[in-house]
Protein backbone atom coordinates (compact mmCIF):
# COMPACT_ATOMS: atom_id res chain seq x y z
CA UNK A 1 0.00 0.00 0.00
CA UNK A 2 1.18 3.49 -0.72
CA UNK A 3 1.77 4.92 2.75
CA UNK A 4 2.22 8.37 1.24
CA UNK A 5 -1.54 8.71 0.80
CA UNK A 6 -2.70 11.42 3.19
CA UNK A 7 -5.64 10.67 5.43
CA UNK A 8 -8.03 13.00 7.24
CA UNK A 9 -9.33 10.67 9.96
CA UNK A 10 -8.09 7.59 11.81
CA UNK A 11 -9.96 4.71 13.41
CA UNK A 12 -8.27 2.23 15.75
CA UNK A 13 -10.22 -1.04 15.49
CA UNK A 14 -7.45 -3.22 16.94
CA UNK A 15 -8.73 -6.01 19.17
CA UNK A 16 -12.23 -5.89 17.67
CA UNK A 17 -13.71 -8.86 15.84
CA UNK A 18 -16.21 -8.97 12.98
CA UNK A 19 -18.49 -7.12 12.54
CA UNK A 20 -17.26 -4.35 14.87
CA UNK A 21 -14.45 -2.94 12.64
CA UNK A 22 -16.93 -2.45 9.79
CA UNK A 23 -19.66 -1.04 12.05
CA UNK A 24 -17.25 1.48 13.58
CA UNK A 25 -15.93 2.37 10.13
CA UNK A 26 -19.46 2.98 8.86
CA UNK A 27 -20.18 5.26 11.83
CA UNK A 28 -17.04 7.34 11.24
CA UNK A 29 -17.66 7.55 7.48
CA UNK A 30 -21.21 8.78 8.11
CA UNK A 31 -19.74 11.79 9.92
CA UNK A 32 -17.25 12.61 7.17
CA UNK A 33 -17.69 14.73 4.06
CA UNK A 34 -17.31 13.33 0.56
CA UNK A 35 -13.73 12.90 -0.64
CA UNK A 36 -12.16 12.66 2.82
CA UNK A 37 -9.91 9.68 3.59
CA UNK A 38 -10.17 7.38 6.61
CA UNK A 39 -7.29 5.20 7.84
CA UNK A 40 -8.43 2.10 9.74
CA UNK A 41 -6.13 -0.16 11.77
CA UNK A 42 -7.50 -3.62 12.62
CA UNK A 43 -6.19 -6.93 13.91
CA UNK A 44 -9.01 -9.24 12.76
CA UNK A 45 -7.69 -11.29 9.79
CA UNK A 46 -11.25 -11.46 8.42
CA UNK A 47 -11.26 -7.69 8.05
CA UNK A 48 -9.39 -7.97 4.74
CA UNK A 49 -12.33 -9.53 2.91
CA UNK A 50 -14.81 -7.53 5.03
CA UNK A 51 -13.35 -4.20 3.91
CA UNK A 52 -13.22 -5.31 0.28
CA UNK A 53 -16.91 -6.26 0.40
CA UNK A 54 -17.82 -3.11 2.35
CA UNK A 55 -16.14 -0.95 -0.29
CA UNK A 56 -17.99 -2.70 -3.14
CA UNK A 57 -21.36 -2.54 -1.39
CA UNK A 58 -21.16 1.09 -0.23
CA UNK A 59 -19.28 2.69 -3.13
CA UNK A 60 -16.56 4.07 -0.85
CA UNK A 61 -13.14 3.66 -2.50
CA UNK A 62 -10.72 1.24 -0.87
CA UNK A 63 -7.52 3.09 -1.73
CA UNK A 64 -5.23 0.51 -0.20
CA UNK A 65 -4.84 -2.36 2.22
CA UNK A 66 -1.72 -3.77 3.82
CA UNK A 67 -0.62 -6.04 6.65
CA UNK A 68 2.37 -5.72 8.95
CA UNK A 69 3.07 -7.47 12.26
CA UNK A 70 -0.47 -8.79 12.58
CA UNK A 71 -2.08 -5.40 11.96
CA UNK A 72 -4.14 -4.60 8.90
CA UNK A 73 -4.27 -1.06 7.54
CA UNK A 74 -7.02 0.19 5.23
CA UNK A 75 -7.48 3.54 3.54
CA UNK A 76 -10.99 4.41 2.41
CA UNK A 77 -12.19 7.50 0.55
CA UNK A 78 -15.76 8.47 1.30
CA UNK A 79 -17.97 8.61 -1.78
C-alpha atoms as a PDB file:
ATOM      1  CA  UNK A   1       0.000   0.000   0.000  1.00  0.00           C
ATOM      2  CA  UNK A   2       1.176   3.494  -0.724  1.00  0.00           C
ATOM      3  CA  UNK A   3       1.766   4.920   2.749  1.00  0.00           C
ATOM      4  CA  UNK A   4       2.217   8.373   1.244  1.00  0.00           C
ATOM      5  CA  UNK A   5      -1.543   8.710   0.804  1.00  0.00           C
ATOM      6  CA  UNK A   6      -2.699  11.417   3.187  1.00  0.00           C
ATOM      7  CA  UNK A   7      -5.636  10.671   5.433  1.00  0.00           C
ATOM      8  CA  UNK A   8      -8.027  12.997   7.237  1.00  0.00           C
ATOM      9  CA  UNK A   9      -9.331  10.675   9.956  1.00  0.00           C
ATOM     10  CA  UNK A  10      -8.086   7.590  11.812  1.00  0.00           C
ATOM     11  CA  UNK A  11      -9.956   4.708  13.407  1.00  0.00           C
ATOM     12  CA  UNK A  12      -8.269   2.228  15.748  1.00  0.00           C
ATOM     13  CA  UNK A  13     -10.221  -1.039  15.493  1.00  0.00           C
ATOM     14  CA  UNK A  14      -7.449  -3.224  16.943  1.00  0.00           C
ATOM     15  CA  UNK A  15      -8.731  -6.007  19.174  1.00  0.00           C
ATOM     16  CA  UNK A  16     -12.226  -5.890  17.667  1.00  0.00           C
ATOM     17  CA  UNK A  17     -13.715  -8.865  15.838  1.00  0.00           C
ATOM     18  CA  UNK A  18     -16.209  -8.971  12.985  1.00  0.00           C
ATOM     19  CA  UNK A  19     -18.490  -7.125  12.545  1.00  0.00           C
ATOM     20  CA  UNK A  20     -17.262  -4.348  14.869  1.00  0.00           C
ATOM     21  CA  UNK A  21     -14.449  -2.942  12.641  1.00  0.00           C
ATOM     22  CA  UNK A  22     -16.931  -2.453   9.790  1.00  0.00           C
ATOM     23  CA  UNK A  23     -19.661  -1.042  12.046  1.00  0.00           C
ATOM     24  CA  UNK A  24     -17.254   1.481  13.577  1.00  0.00           C
ATOM     25  CA  UNK A  25     -15.925   2.373  10.129  1.00  0.00           C
ATOM     26  CA  UNK A  26     -19.457   2.975   8.856  1.00  0.00           C
ATOM     27  CA  UNK A  27     -20.178   5.257  11.825  1.00  0.00           C
ATOM     28  CA  UNK A  28     -17.040   7.341  11.240  1.00  0.00           C
ATOM     29  CA  UNK A  29     -17.656   7.554   7.480  1.00  0.00           C
ATOM     30  CA  UNK A  30     -21.211   8.783   8.114  1.00  0.00           C
ATOM     31  CA  UNK A  31     -19.738  11.786   9.921  1.00  0.00           C
ATOM     32  CA  UNK A  32     -17.245  12.607   7.167  1.00  0.00           C
ATOM     33  CA  UNK A  33     -17.692  14.725   4.059  1.00  0.00           C
ATOM     34  CA  UNK A  34     -17.308  13.328   0.555  1.00  0.00           C
ATOM     35  CA  UNK A  35     -13.729  12.896  -0.641  1.00  0.00           C
ATOM     36  CA  UNK A  36     -12.162  12.656   2.824  1.00  0.00           C
ATOM     37  CA  UNK A  37      -9.909   9.684   3.589  1.00  0.00           C
ATOM     38  CA  UNK A  38     -10.170   7.377   6.608  1.00  0.00           C
ATOM     39  CA  UNK A  39      -7.294   5.200   7.844  1.00  0.00           C
ATOM     40  CA  UNK A  40      -8.428   2.096   9.745  1.00  0.00           C
ATOM     41  CA  UNK A  41      -6.127  -0.159  11.766  1.00  0.00           C
ATOM     42  CA  UNK A  42      -7.503  -3.619  12.615  1.00  0.00           C
ATOM     43  CA  UNK A  43      -6.189  -6.935  13.911  1.00  0.00           C
ATOM     44  CA  UNK A  44      -9.009  -9.242  12.763  1.00  0.00           C
ATOM     45  CA  UNK A  45      -7.693 -11.294   9.790  1.00  0.00           C
ATOM     46  CA  UNK A  46     -11.255 -11.456   8.423  1.00  0.00           C
ATOM     47  CA  UNK A  47     -11.257  -7.693   8.050  1.00  0.00           C
ATOM     48  CA  UNK A  48      -9.386  -7.975   4.740  1.00  0.00           C
ATOM     49  CA  UNK A  49     -12.333  -9.530   2.913  1.00  0.00           C
ATOM     50  CA  UNK A  50     -14.806  -7.534   5.030  1.00  0.00           C
ATOM     51  CA  UNK A  51     -13.354  -4.202   3.906  1.00  0.00           C
ATOM     52  CA  UNK A  52     -13.224  -5.314   0.275  1.00  0.00           C
ATOM     53  CA  UNK A  53     -16.912  -6.257   0.403  1.00  0.00           C
ATOM     54  CA  UNK A  54     -17.818  -3.110   2.347  1.00  0.00           C
ATOM     55  CA  UNK A  55     -16.140  -0.955  -0.290  1.00  0.00           C
ATOM     56  CA  UNK A  56     -17.988  -2.698  -3.143  1.00  0.00           C
ATOM     57  CA  UNK A  57     -21.359  -2.539  -1.388  1.00  0.00           C
ATOM     58  CA  UNK A  58     -21.155   1.089  -0.226  1.00  0.00           C
ATOM     59  CA  UNK A  59     -19.281   2.695  -3.125  1.00  0.00           C
ATOM     60  CA  UNK A  60     -16.561   4.069  -0.847  1.00  0.00           C
ATOM     61  CA  UNK A  61     -13.145   3.658  -2.496  1.00  0.00           C
ATOM     62  CA  UNK A  62     -10.720   1.241  -0.873  1.00  0.00           C
ATOM     63  CA  UNK A  63      -7.520   3.088  -1.734  1.00  0.00           C
ATOM     64  CA  UNK A  64      -5.232   0.507  -0.199  1.00  0.00           C
ATOM     65  CA  UNK A  65      -4.841  -2.359   2.218  1.00  0.00           C
ATOM     66  CA  UNK A  66      -1.718  -3.772   3.824  1.00  0.00           C
ATOM     67  CA  UNK A  67      -0.618  -6.043   6.646  1.00  0.00           C
ATOM     68  CA  UNK A  68       2.374  -5.724   8.955  1.00  0.00           C
ATOM     69  CA  UNK A  69       3.071  -7.467  12.259  1.00  0.00           C
ATOM     70  CA  UNK A  70      -0.468  -8.791  12.578  1.00  0.00           C
ATOM     71  CA  UNK A  71      -2.085  -5.396  11.963  1.00  0.00           C
ATOM     72  CA  UNK A  72      -4.138  -4.602   8.896  1.00  0.00           C
ATOM     73  CA  UNK A  73      -4.268  -1.060   7.536  1.00  0.00           C
ATOM     74  CA  UNK A  74      -7.017   0.189   5.231  1.00  0.00           C
ATOM     75  CA  UNK A  75      -7.483   3.542   3.538  1.00  0.00           C
ATOM     76  CA  UNK A  76     -10.994   4.410   2.409  1.00  0.00           C
ATOM     77  CA  UNK A  77     -12.186   7.500   0.550  1.00  0.00           C
ATOM     78  CA  UNK A  78     -15.764   8.474   1.304  1.00  0.00           C
ATOM     79  CA  UNK A  79     -17.972   8.608  -1.779  1.00  0.00           C
END
